[in-house]
Amino acid sequence: TYEIDGHPLVLSVHDATNQAEGEEYFLALQNSTDNAATIEGTLGLGMRSFSTGDGIVAFLRDGKTLLVDATALPAGLGADETTTQSQAAYAIATAVLVCWVEHN
């Protein structure tokens, strides 16, 4: 959990022991998360992913699930104060995924 101007931003990774377990966890998370919709096209970065539209995004990579929850951040983020919680969560998740390195 990171504090952004007094508000929590939560990042977590479920570290599955194998790809099948990771996929099972991701699907269970998506099915149990309200309003979870698959991120379509290139925005999904070629990975299984979903967004709630209100500040939660998740991606499955290398059998591990990255979840970013920006729902507690205030509305109107960024220098121009127009970034939504959902946009912030997606931007943070993609930044993490760019740096992601698979470990054996």
PDB file of N, CA and C in Angstrom:
ATOM      1  N   THR A   1       0.851  -1.180   0.000  1.00  0.00           N
ATOM      2  CA  THR A   1       0.000   0.000   0.000  1.00  0.00           C
ATOM      3  C   THR A   1       0.891   1.236   0.000  1.00  0.00           C
ATOM      4  N   TYR A   2       0.600   2.156  -0.889  1.00  0.00           N
ATOM      5  CA  TYR A   2       1.337   3.415  -1.000  1.00  0.00           C
ATOM      6  C   TYR A   2       0.394   4.555  -0.670  1.00  0.00           C
ATOM      7  N   GLU A   3       0.899   5.547   0.026  1.00  0.00           N
ATOM      8  CA  GLU A   3       0.087   6.698   0.367  1.00  0.00           C
ATOM      9  C   GLU A   3       0.326   7.799  -0.661  1.00  0.00           C
ATOM     10  N   ILE A   4      -0.742   8.242  -1.284  1.00  0.00           N
ATOM     11  CA  ILE A   4      -0.691   9.326  -2.270  1.00  0.00           C
ATOM     12  C   ILE A   4      -1.531  10.468  -1.708  1.00  0.00           C
ATOM     13  N   ASP A   5      -0.882  11.511  -1.264  1.00  0.00           N
ATOM     14  CA  ASP A   5      -1.573  12.653  -0.656  1.00  0.00           C
ATOM     15  C   ASP A   5      -2.594  12.222   0.397  1.00  0.00           C
ATOM     16  N   GLY A   6      -2.195  11.264   1.237  1.00  0.00           N
ATOM     17  CA  GLY A   6      -3.052  10.809   2.325  1.00  0.00           C
ATOM     18  C   GLY A   6      -4.072   9.752   1.936  1.00  0.00           C
ATOM     19  N   HIS A   7      -4.032   9.273   0.704  1.00  0.00           N
ATOM     20  CA  HIS A   7      -4.982   8.268   0.220  1.00  0.00           C
ATOM     21  C   HIS A   7      -4.228   6.995  -0.173  1.00  0.00           C
ATOM     22  N   PRO A   8      -4.800   5.823   0.146  1.00  0.00           N
ATOM     23  CA  PRO A   8      -4.099   4.576  -0.180  1.00  0.00           C
ATOM     24  C   PRO A   8      -4.231   4.170  -1.654  1.00  0.00           C
ATOM     25  N   LEU A   9      -3.115   3.751  -2.208  1.00  0.00           N
ATOM     26  CA  LEU A   9      -3.040   3.115  -3.517  1.00  0.00           C
ATOM     27  C   LEU A   9      -2.496   1.724  -3.238  1.00  0.00           C
ATOM     28  N   VAL A  10      -3.251   0.685  -3.605  1.00  0.00           N
ATOM     29  CA  VAL A  10      -2.885  -0.686  -3.239  1.00  0.00           C
ATOM     30  C   VAL A  10      -2.464  -1.463  -4.488  1.00  0.00           C
ATOM     31  N   LEU A  11      -1.253  -2.022  -4.426  1.00  0.00           N
ATOM     32  CA  LEU A  11      -0.751  -2.912  -5.471  1.00  0.00           C
ATOM     33  C   LEU A  11      -0.484  -4.255  -4.814  1.00  0.00           C
ATOM     34  N   SER A  12      -0.893  -5.329  -5.476  1.00  0.00           N
ATOM     35  CA  SER A  12      -0.601  -6.659  -4.951  1.00  0.00           C
ATOM     36  C   SER A  12      -0.324  -7.603  -6.107  1.00  0.00           C
ATOM     37  N   VAL A  13       0.455  -8.639  -5.800  1.00  0.00           N
ATOM     38  CA  VAL A  13       0.753  -9.685  -6.769  1.00  0.00           C
ATOM     39  C   VAL A  13       0.465 -11.021  -6.098  1.00  0.00           C
ATOM     40  N   HIS A  14      -0.391 -11.807  -6.731  1.00  0.00           N
ATOM     41  CA  HIS A  14      -0.609 -13.179  -6.282  1.00  0.00           C
ATOM     42  C   HIS A  14       0.411 -14.027  -7.024  1.00  0.00           C
ATOM     43  N   ASP A  15       1.315 -14.623  -6.286  1.00  0.00           N
ATOM     44  CA  ASP A  15       2.438 -15.358  -6.850  1.00  0.00           C
ATOM     45  C   ASP A  15       2.109 -16.840  -6.892  1.00  0.00           C
ATOM     46  N   ALA A  16       1.483 -17.279  -7.978  1.00  0.00           N
ATOM     47  CA  ALA A  16       1.092 -18.682  -8.123  1.00  0.00           C
ATOM     48  C   ALA A  16       2.318 -19.556  -8.355  1.00  0.00           C
ATOM     49  N   THR A  17       2.200 -20.812  -7.973  1.00  0.00           N
ATOM     50  CA  THR A  17       3.321 -21.739  -8.140  1.00  0.00           C
ATOM     51  C   THR A  17       3.438 -22.264  -9.565  1.00  0.00           C
ATOM     52  N   ASN A  18       2.345 -22.144 -10.358  1.00  0.00           N
ATOM     53  CA  ASN A  18       2.399 -22.571 -11.762  1.00  0.00           C
ATOM     54  C   ASN A  18       1.340 -21.817 -12.567  1.00  0.00           C
ATOM     55  N   GLN A  19       1.423 -21.920 -13.871  1.00  0.00           N
ATOM     56  CA  GLN A  19       0.530 -21.182 -14.771  1.00  0.00           C
ATOM     57  C   GLN A  19      -0.936 -21.549 -14.535  1.00  0.00           C
ATOM     58  N   ALA A  20      -1.234 -22.832 -14.401  1.00  0.00           N
ATOM     59  CA  ALA A  20      -2.627 -23.261 -14.215  1.00  0.00           C
ATOM     60  C   ALA A  20      -3.219 -22.689 -12.928  1.00  0.00           C
ATOM     61  N   GLU A  21      -2.453 -22.729 -11.851  1.00  0.00           N
ATOM     62  CA  GLU A  21      -2.923 -22.154 -10.581  1.00  0.00           C
ATOM     63  C   GLU A  21      -3.140 -20.649 -10.731  1.00  0.00           C
ATOM     64  N   GLY A  22      -2.236 -19.990 -11.443  1.00  0.00           N
ATOM     65  CA  GLY A  22      -2.363 -18.551 -11.665  1.00  0.00           C
ATOM     66  C   GLY A  22      -3.606 -18.199 -12.455  1.00  0.00           C
ATOM     67  N   GLU A  23      -3.889 -18.968 -13.486  1.00  0.00           N
ATOM     68  CA  GLU A  23      -5.084 -18.722 -14.296  1.00  0.00           C
ATOM     69  C   GLU A  23      -6.352 -18.958 -13.482  1.00  0.00           C
ATOM     70  N   GLU A  24      -6.339 -20.008 -12.666  1.00  0.00           N
ATOM     71  CA  GLU A  24      -7.491 -20.297 -11.810  1.00  0.00           C
ATOM     72  C   GLU A  24      -7.731 -19.153 -10.821  1.00  0.00           C
ATOM     73  N   TYR A  25      -6.652 -18.665 -10.204  1.00  0.00           N
ATOM     74  CA  TYR A  25      -6.775 -17.548  -9.262  1.00  0.00           C
ATOM     75  C   TYR A  25      -7.320 -16.305  -9.965  1.00  0.00           C
ATOM     76  N   PHE A  26      -6.757 -15.981 -11.144  1.00  0.00           N
ATOM     77  CA  PHE A  26      -7.178 -14.791 -11.878  1.00  0.00           C
ATOM     78  C   PHE A  26      -8.669 -14.863 -12.214  1.00  0.00           C
ATOM     79  N   LEU A  27      -9.127 -15.994 -12.726  1.00  0.00           N
ATOM     80  CA  LEU A  27     -10.545 -16.142 -13.079  1.00  0.00           C
ATOM     81  C   LEU A  27     -11.443 -16.025 -11.852  1.00  0.00           C
ATOM     82  N   ALA A  28     -11.023 -16.616 -10.739  1.00  0.00           N
ATOM     83  CA  ALA A  28     -11.811 -16.513  -9.509  1.00  0.00           C
ATOM     84  C   ALA A  28     -11.886 -15.062  -9.043  1.00  0.00           C
ATOM     85  N   LEU A  29     -10.770 -14.344  -9.131  1.00  0.00           N
ATOM     86  CA  LEU A  29     -10.749 -12.935  -8.746  1.00  0.00           C
ATOM     87  C   LEU A  29     -11.664 -12.120  -9.651  1.00  0.00           C
ATOM     88  N   GLN A  30     -11.559 -12.340 -10.952  1.00  0.00           N
ATOM     89  CA  GLN A  30     -12.404 -11.601 -11.894  1.00  0.00           C
ATOM     90  C   GLN A  30     -13.881 -11.891 -11.634  1.00  0.00           C
ATOM     91  N   ASN A  31     -14.215 -13.154 -11.405  1.00  0.00           N
ATOM     92  CA  ASN A  31     -15.612 -13.528 -11.172  1.00  0.00           C
ATOM     93  C   ASN A  31     -16.154 -13.006  -9.845  1.00  0.00           C
ATOM     94  N   SER A  32     -15.276 -12.753  -8.875  1.00  0.00           N
ATOM     95  CA  SER A  32     -15.725 -12.281  -7.559  1.00  0.00           C
ATOM     96  C   SER A  32     -15.646 -10.761  -7.412  1.00  0.00           C
ATOM     97  N   THR A  33     -15.154 -10.079  -8.444  1.00  0.00           N
ATOM     98  CA  THR A  33     -15.011  -8.627  -8.384  1.00  0.00           C
ATOM     99  C   THR A  33     -16.184  -7.965  -9.105  1.00  0.00           C
ATOM    100  N   ASP A  34     -16.910  -7.117  -8.386  1.00  0.00           N
ATOM    101  CA  ASP A  34     -18.065  -6.429  -8.974  1.00  0.00           C
ATOM    102  C   ASP A  34     -17.658  -5.615 -10.192  1.00  0.00           C
ATOM    103  N   ASN A  35     -18.461  -5.694 -11.235  1.00  0.00           N
ATOM    104  CA  ASN A  35     -18.291  -4.910 -12.466  1.00  0.00           C
ATOM    105  C   ASN A  35     -16.994  -5.200 -13.216  1.00  0.00           C
ATOM    106  N   ALA A  36     -16.377  -6.358 -12.988  1.00  0.00           N
ATOM    107  CA  ALA A  36     -15.131  -6.697 -13.678  1.00  0.00           C
ATOM    108  C   ALA A  36     -15.427  -7.027 -15.131  1.00  0.00           C
ATOM    109  N   ALA A  37     -14.843  -6.242 -16.035  1.00  0.00           N
ATOM    110  CA  ALA A  37     -15.009  -6.461 -17.468  1.00  0.00           C
ATOM    111  C   ALA A  37     -13.639  -6.658 -18.092  1.00  0.00           C
ATOM    112  N   THR A  38     -13.556  -7.604 -19.003  1.00  0.00           N
ATOM    113  CA  THR A  38     -12.302  -7.885 -19.689  1.00  0.00           C
ATOM    114  C   THR A  38     -11.827  -6.642 -20.425  1.00  0.00           C
ATOM    115  N   ILE A  39     -10.546  -6.347 -20.318  1.00  0.00           N
ATOM    116  CA  ILE A  39      -9.954  -5.239 -21.077  1.00  0.00           C
ATOM    117  C   ILE A  39      -9.714  -5.777 -22.483  1.00  0.00           C
ATOM    118  N   GLU A  40     -10.305  -5.141 -23.460  1.00  0.00           N
ATOM    119  CA  GLU A  40     -10.286  -5.627 -24.836  1.00  0.00           C
ATOM    120  C   GLU A  40      -9.141  -5.019 -25.644  1.00  0.00           C
ATOM    121  N   GLY A  41      -8.728  -5.743 -26.667  1.00  0.00           N
ATOM    122  CA  GLY A  41      -7.779  -5.237 -27.653  1.00  0.00           C
ATOM    123  C   GLY A  41      -6.402  -4.951 -27.100  1.00  0.00           C
ATOM    124  N   THR A  42      -5.737  -3.983 -27.709  1.00  0.00           N
ATOM    125  CA  THR A  42      -4.358  -3.675 -27.335  1.00  0.00           C
ATOM    126  C   THR A  42      -4.250  -3.134 -25.914  1.00  0.00           C
ATOM    127  N   LEU A  43      -5.321  -2.577 -25.377  1.00  0.00           N
ATOM    128  CA  LEU A  43      -5.275  -2.088 -23.996  1.00  0.00           C
ATOM    129  C   LEU A  43      -5.027  -3.227 -23.014  1.00  0.00           C
ATOM    130  N   GLY A  44      -5.330  -4.455 -23.423  1.00  0.00           N
ATOM    131  CA  GLY A  44      -5.064  -5.618 -22.582  1.00  0.00           C
ATOM    132  C   GLY A  44      -3.621  -6.063 -22.625  1.00  0.00           C
ATOM    133  N   LEU A  45      -2.820  -5.430 -23.482  1.00  0.00           N
ATOM    134  CA  LEU A  45      -1.384  -5.701 -23.598  1.00  0.00           C
ATOM    135  C   LEU A  45      -1.073  -7.163 -23.930  1.00  0.00           C
ATOM    136  N   GLY A  46      -2.023  -7.842 -24.561  1.00  0.00           N
ATOM    137  CA  GLY A  46      -1.819  -9.243 -24.917  1.00  0.00           C
ATOM    138  C   GLY A  46      -1.918 -10.191 -23.737  1.00  0.00           C
ATOM    139  N   MET A  47      -2.457  -9.717 -22.624  1.00  0.00           N
ATOM    140  CA  MET A  47      -2.580 -10.525 -21.414  1.00  0.00           C
ATOM    141  C   MET A  47      -4.039 -10.596 -20.993  1.00  0.00           C
ATOM    142  N   ARG A  48      -4.361 -11.617 -20.220  1.00  0.00           N
ATOM    143  CA  ARG A  48      -5.682 -11.628 -19.602  1.00  0.00           C
ATOM    144  C   ARG A  48      -5.717 -10.459 -18.630  1.00  0.00           C
ATOM    145  N   SER A  49      -6.785  -9.705 -18.683  1.00  0.00           N
ATOM    146  CA  SER A  49      -6.874  -8.517 -17.830  1.00  0.00           C
ATOM    147  C   SER A  49      -8.329  -8.126 -17.653  1.00  0.00           C
ATOM    148  N   PHE A  50      -8.582  -7.375 -16.586  1.00  0.00           N
ATOM    149  CA  PHE A  50      -9.919  -6.814 -16.393  1.00  0.00           C
ATOM    150  C   PHE A  50      -9.828  -5.483 -15.672  1.00  0.00           C
ATOM    151  N   SER A  51     -10.917  -4.725 -15.789  1.00  0.00           N
ATOM    152  CA  SER A  51     -11.055  -3.435 -15.123  1.00  0.00           C
ATOM    153  C   SER A  51     -12.468  -3.337 -14.586  1.00  0.00           C
ATOM    154  N   THR A  52     -12.615  -2.647 -13.467  1.00  0.00           N
ATOM    155  CA  THR A  52     -13.953  -2.430 -12.910  1.00  0.00           C
ATOM    156  C   THR A  52     -14.548  -1.111 -13.375  1.00  0.00           C
ATOM    157  N   GLY A  53     -13.719  -0.255 -13.949  1.00  0.00           N
ATOM    158  CA  GLY A  53     -14.199   1.051 -14.380  1.00  0.00           C
ATOM    159  C   GLY A  53     -14.202   2.093 -13.281  1.00  0.00           C
ATOM    160  N   ASP A  54     -13.920   1.671 -12.045  1.00  0.00           N
ATOM    161  CA  ASP A  54     -13.914   2.637 -10.944  1.00  0.00           C
ATOM    162  C   ASP A  54     -12.581   2.700 -10.204  1.00  0.00           C
ATOM    163  N   GLY A  55     -11.528   2.099 -10.809  1.00  0.00           N
ATOM    164  CA  GLY A  55     -10.210   2.219 -10.198  1.00  0.00           C
ATOM    165  C   GLY A  55      -9.502   0.926  -9.868  1.00  0.00           C
ATOM    166  N   ILE A  56     -10.045  -0.204 -10.304  1.00  0.00           N
ATOM    167  CA  ILE A  56      -9.377  -1.487 -10.093  1.00  0.00           C
ATOM    168  C   ILE A  56      -9.051  -2.093 -11.453  1.00  0.00           C
ATOM    169  N   VAL A  57      -7.797  -2.505 -11.616  1.00  0.00           N
ATOM    170  CA  VAL A  57      -7.393  -3.253 -12.803  1.00  0.00           C
ATOM    171  C   VAL A  57      -6.558  -4.440 -12.351  1.00  0.00           C
ATOM    172  N   ALA A  58      -6.589  -5.503 -13.159  1.00  0.00           N
ATOM    173  CA  ALA A  58      -5.790  -6.685 -12.872  1.00  0.00           C
ATOM    174  C   ALA A  58      -5.274  -7.257 -14.181  1.00  0.00           C
ATOM    175  N   PHE A  59      -4.060  -7.785 -14.136  1.00  0.00           N
ATOM    176  CA  PHE A  59      -3.426  -8.422 -15.288  1.00  0.00           C
ATOM    177  C   PHE A  59      -2.837  -9.745 -14.840  1.00  0.00           C
ATOM    178  N   LEU A  60      -2.916 -10.749 -15.720  1.00  0.00           N
ATOM    179  CA  LEU A  60      -2.293 -12.040 -15.479  1.00  0.00           C
ATOM    180  C   LEU A  60      -1.059 -12.138 -16.363  1.00  0.00           C
ATOM    181  N   ARG A  61       0.097 -12.313 -15.741  1.00  0.00           N
ATOM    182  CA  ARG A  61       1.346 -12.444 -16.483  1.00  0.00           C
ATOM    183  C   ARG A  61       2.214 -13.491 -15.797  1.00  0.00           C
ATOM    184  N   ASP A  62       2.751 -14.400 -16.587  1.00  0.00           N
ATOM    185  CA  ASP A  62       3.632 -15.453 -16.061  1.00  0.00           C
ATOM    186  C   ASP A  62       2.978 -16.236 -14.920  1.00  0.00           C
ATOM    187  N   GLY A  63       1.652 -16.388 -14.980  1.00  0.00           N
ATOM    188  CA  GLY A  63       0.934 -17.121 -13.940  1.00  0.00           C
ATOM    189  C   GLY A  63       0.716 -16.332 -12.666  1.00  0.00           C
ATOM    190  N   LYS A  64       1.078 -15.064 -12.677  1.00  0.00           N
ATOM    191  CA  LYS A  64       0.940 -14.214 -11.500  1.00  0.00           C
ATOM    192  C   LYS A  64      -0.066 -13.102 -11.798  1.00  0.00           C
ATOM    193  N   THR A  65      -0.854 -12.744 -10.801  1.00  0.00           N
ATOM    194  CA  THR A  65      -1.875 -11.714 -10.973  1.00  0.00           C
ATOM    195  C   THR A  65      -1.436 -10.418 -10.311  1.00  0.00           C
ATOM    196  N   LEU A  66      -1.336  -9.370 -11.122  1.00  0.00           N
ATOM    197  CA  LEU A  66      -1.083  -8.026 -10.608  1.00  0.00           C
ATOM    198  C   LEU A  66      -2.431  -7.338 -10.464  1.00  0.00           C
ATOM    199  N   LEU A  67      -2.709  -6.829  -9.271  1.00  0.00           N
ATOM    200  CA  LEU A  67      -3.943  -6.103  -8.993  1.00  0.00           C
ATOM    201  C   LEU A  67      -3.576  -4.706  -8.520  1.00  0.00           C
ATOM    202  N   VAL A  68      -4.149  -3.699  -9.153  1.00  0.00           N
ATOM    203  CA  VAL A  68      -3.948  -2.316  -8.730  1.00  0.00           C
ATOM    204  C   VAL A  68      -5.316  -1.756  -8.350  1.00  0.00           C
ATOM    205  N   ASP A  69      -5.413  -1.246  -7.123  1.00  0.00           N
ATOM    206  CA  ASP A  69      -6.657  -0.672  -6.611  1.00  0.00           C
ATOM    207  C   ASP A  69      -6.418   0.797  -6.277  1.00  0.00           C
ATOM    208  N   ALA A  70      -6.959   1.656  -7.128  1.00  0.00           N
ATOM    209  CA  ALA A  70      -6.830   3.100  -6.941  1.00  0.00           C
ATOM    210  C   ALA A  70      -8.168   3.735  -6.555  1.00  0.00           C
ATOM    211  N   THR A  71      -9.100   2.924  -6.074  1.00  0.00           N
ATOM    212  CA  THR A  71     -10.445   3.424  -5.778  1.00  0.00           C
ATOM    213  C   THR A  71     -10.478   4.467  -4.661  1.00  0.00           C
ATOM    214  N   ALA A  72      -9.503   4.461  -3.775  1.00  0.00           N
ATOM    215  CA  ALA A  72      -9.502   5.413  -2.656  1.00  0.00           C
ATOM    216  C   ALA A  72      -8.830   6.740  -3.016  1.00  0.00           C
ATOM    217  N   LEU A  73      -8.225   6.805  -4.195  1.00  0.00           N
ATOM    218  CA  LEU A  73      -7.608   8.069  -4.606  1.00  0.00           C
ATOM    219  C   LEU A  73      -8.696   9.080  -4.944  1.00  0.00           C
ATOM    220  N   PRO A  74      -8.415  10.355  -4.769  1.00  0.00           N
ATOM    221  CA  PRO A  74      -9.434  11.365  -5.063  1.00  0.00           C
ATOM    222  C   PRO A  74      -9.683  11.489  -6.564  1.00  0.00           C
ATOM    223  N   ALA A  75     -10.844  11.987  -6.915  1.00  0.00           N
ATOM    224  CA  ALA A  75     -11.162  12.255  -8.320  1.00  0.00           C
ATOM    225  C   ALA A  75     -10.321  13.431  -8.799  1.00  0.00           C
ATOM    226  N   GLY A  76     -10.046  13.477 -10.078  1.00  0.00           N
ATOM    227  CA  GLY A  76      -9.297  14.599 -10.636  1.00  0.00           C
ATOM    228  C   GLY A  76      -7.834  14.561 -10.281  1.00  0.00           C
ATOM    229  N   LEU A  77      -7.154  13.488 -10.668  1.00  0.00           N
ATOM    230  CA  LEU A  77      -5.732  13.322 -10.370  1.00  0.00           C
ATOM    231  C   LEU A  77      -4.878  13.946 -11.464  1.00  0.00           C
ATOM    232  N   GLY A  78      -3.599  14.077 -11.196  1.00  0.00           N
ATOM    233  CA  GLY A  78      -2.641  14.536 -12.194  1.00  0.00           C
ATOM    234  C   GLY A  78      -2.506  16.047 -12.235  1.00  0.00           C
ATOM    235  N   ALA A  79      -1.542  16.482 -13.026  1.00  0.00           N
ATOM    236  CA  ALA A  79      -1.251  17.914 -13.127  1.00  0.00           C
ATOM    237  C   ALA A  79      -2.449  18.707 -13.633  1.00  0.00           C
ATOM    238  N   ASP A  80      -3.189  18.107 -14.560  1.00  0.00           N
ATOM    239  CA  ASP A  80      -4.350  18.816 -15.104  1.00  0.00           C
ATOM    240  C   ASP A  80      -5.642  18.480 -14.360  1.00  0.00           C
ATOM    241  N   GLU A  81      -5.537  17.657 -13.327  1.00  0.00           N
ATOM    242  CA  GLU A  81      -6.645  17.271 -12.453  1.00  0.00           C
ATOM    243  C   GLU A  81      -7.817  16.641 -13.205  1.00  0.00           C
ATOM    244  N   THR A  82      -7.509  15.862 -14.258  1.00  0.00           N
ATOM    245  CA  THR A  82      -8.567  15.207 -15.023  1.00  0.00           C
ATOM    246  C   THR A  82      -8.434  13.686 -15.053  1.00  0.00           C
ATOM    247  N   THR A  83      -7.360  13.149 -14.498  1.00  0.00           N
ATOM    248  CA  THR A  83      -7.140  11.708 -14.526  1.00  0.00           C
ATOM    249  C   THR A  83      -8.070  11.020 -13.534  1.00  0.00           C
ATOM    250  N   THR A  84      -8.794  10.019 -13.996  1.00  0.00           N
ATOM    251  CA  THR A  84      -9.708   9.275 -13.129  1.00  0.00           C
ATOM    252  C   THR A  84      -8.942   8.195 -12.363  1.00  0.00           C
ATOM    253  N   GLN A  85      -9.581   7.641 -11.356  1.00  0.00           N
ATOM    254  CA  GLN A  85      -8.983   6.538 -10.607  1.00  0.00           C
ATOM    255  C   GLN A  85      -8.695   5.363 -11.545  1.00  0.00           C
ATOM    256  N   SER A  86      -9.598   5.116 -12.472  1.00  0.00           N
ATOM    257  CA  SER A  86      -9.425   4.011 -13.416  1.00  0.00           C
ATOM    258  C   SER A  86      -8.224   4.241 -14.322  1.00  0.00           C
ATOM    259  N   GLN A  87      -8.084   5.446 -14.829  1.00  0.00           N
ATOM    260  CA  GLN A  87      -6.931   5.780 -15.674  1.00  0.00           C
ATOM    261  C   GLN A  87      -5.630   5.668 -14.881  1.00  0.00           C
ATOM    262  N   ALA A  88      -5.646   6.103 -13.635  1.00  0.00           N
ATOM    263  CA  ALA A  88      -4.456   6.024 -12.795  1.00  0.00           C
ATOM    264  C   ALA A  88      -4.083   4.568 -12.539  1.00  0.00           C
ATOM    265  N   ALA A  89      -5.060   3.726 -12.217  1.00  0.00           N
ATOM    266  CA  ALA A  89      -4.789   2.309 -11.962  1.00  0.00           C
ATOM    267  C   ALA A  89      -4.189   1.648 -13.193  1.00  0.00           C
ATOM    268  N   TYR A  90      -4.740   1.944 -14.364  1.00  0.00           N
ATOM    269  CA  TYR A  90      -4.229   1.355 -15.604  1.00  0.00           C
ATOM    270  C   TYR A  90      -2.800   1.831 -15.877  1.00  0.00           C
ATOM    271  N   ALA A  91      -2.542   3.117 -15.709  1.00  0.00           N
ATOM    272  CA  ALA A  91      -1.201   3.653 -15.953  1.00  0.00           C
ATOM    273  C   ALA A  91      -0.177   3.036 -15.004  1.00  0.00           C
ATOM    274  N   ILE A  92      -0.548   2.878 -13.757  1.00  0.00           N
ATOM    275  CA  ILE A  92       0.365   2.286 -12.771  1.00  0.00           C
ATOM    276  C   ILE A  92       0.611   0.814 -13.106  1.00  0.00           C
ATOM    277  N   ALA A  93      -0.440   0.090 -13.451  1.00  0.00           N
ATOM    278  CA  ALA A  93      -0.279  -1.328 -13.806  1.00  0.00           C
ATOM    279  C   ALA A  93       0.621  -1.488 -15.024  1.00  0.00           C
ATOM    280  N   THR A  94       0.440  -0.661 -16.036  1.00  0.00           N
ATOM    281  CA  THR A  94       1.279  -0.798 -17.229  1.00  0.00           C
ATOM    282  C   THR A  94       2.728  -0.450 -16.920  1.00  0.00           C
ATOM    283  N   ALA A  95       2.964   0.517 -16.024  1.00  0.00           N
ATOM    284  CA  ALA A  95       4.339   0.850 -15.632  1.00  0.00           C
ATOM    285  C   ALA A  95       4.991  -0.341 -14.926  1.00  0.00           C
ATOM    286  N   VAL A  96       4.249  -1.011 -14.067  1.00  0.00           N
ATOM    287  CA  VAL A  96       4.777  -2.196 -13.380  1.00  0.00           C
ATOM    288  C   VAL A  96       5.060  -3.300 -14.394  1.00  0.00           C
ATOM    289  N   LEU A  97       4.143  -3.515 -15.317  1.00  0.00           N
ATOM    290  CA  LEU A  97       4.301  -4.592 -16.299  1.00  0.00           C
ATOM    291  C   LEU A  97       5.478  -4.351 -17.245  1.00  0.00           C
ATOM    292  N   VAL A  98       5.792  -3.102 -17.538  1.00  0.00           N
ATOM    293  CA  VAL A  98       6.938  -2.784 -18.387  1.00  0.00           C
ATOM    294  C   VAL A  98       8.232  -3.242 -17.707  1.00  0.00           C
ATOM    295  N   CYS A  99       8.279  -3.156 -16.398  1.00  0.00           N
ATOM    296  CA  CYS A  99       9.475  -3.533 -15.631  1.00  0.00           C
ATOM    297  C   CYS A  99       9.474  -4.989 -15.207  1.00  0.00           C
ATOM    298  N   TRP A 100       8.391  -5.694 -15.469  1.00  0.00           N
ATOM    299  CA  TRP A 100       8.205  -7.067 -14.986  1.00  0.00           C
ATOM    300  C   TRP A 100       9.229  -7.996 -15.618  1.00  0.00           C
ATOM    301  N   VAL A 101       9.907  -8.766 -14.790  1.00  0.00           N
ATOM    302  CA  VAL A 101      10.879  -9.753 -15.256  1.00  0.00           C
ATOM    303  C   VAL A 101      10.484 -11.094 -14.669  1.00  0.00           C
ATOM    304  N   GLU A 102      10.390 -12.097 -15.509  1.00  0.00           N
ATOM    305  CA  GLU A 102      10.035 -13.427 -15.023  1.00  0.00           C
ATOM    306  C   GLU A 102      11.225 -14.017 -14.279  1.00  0.00           C
ATOM    307  N   HIS A 103      10.953 -14.553 -13.091  1.00  0.00           N
ATOM    308  CA  HIS A 103      11.981 -15.197 -12.283  1.00  0.00           C
ATOM    309  C   HIS A 103      11.678 -16.683 -12.193  1.00  0.00           C
ATOM    310  N   ASN A 104      12.698 -17.488 -12.211  1.00  0.00           N
ATOM    311  CA  ASN A 104      12.497 -18.928 -12.077  1.00  0.00           C
ATOM    312  C   ASN A 104      12.506 -19.337 -10.631  1.00  0.00           C
TER     313      ASN A 104
END
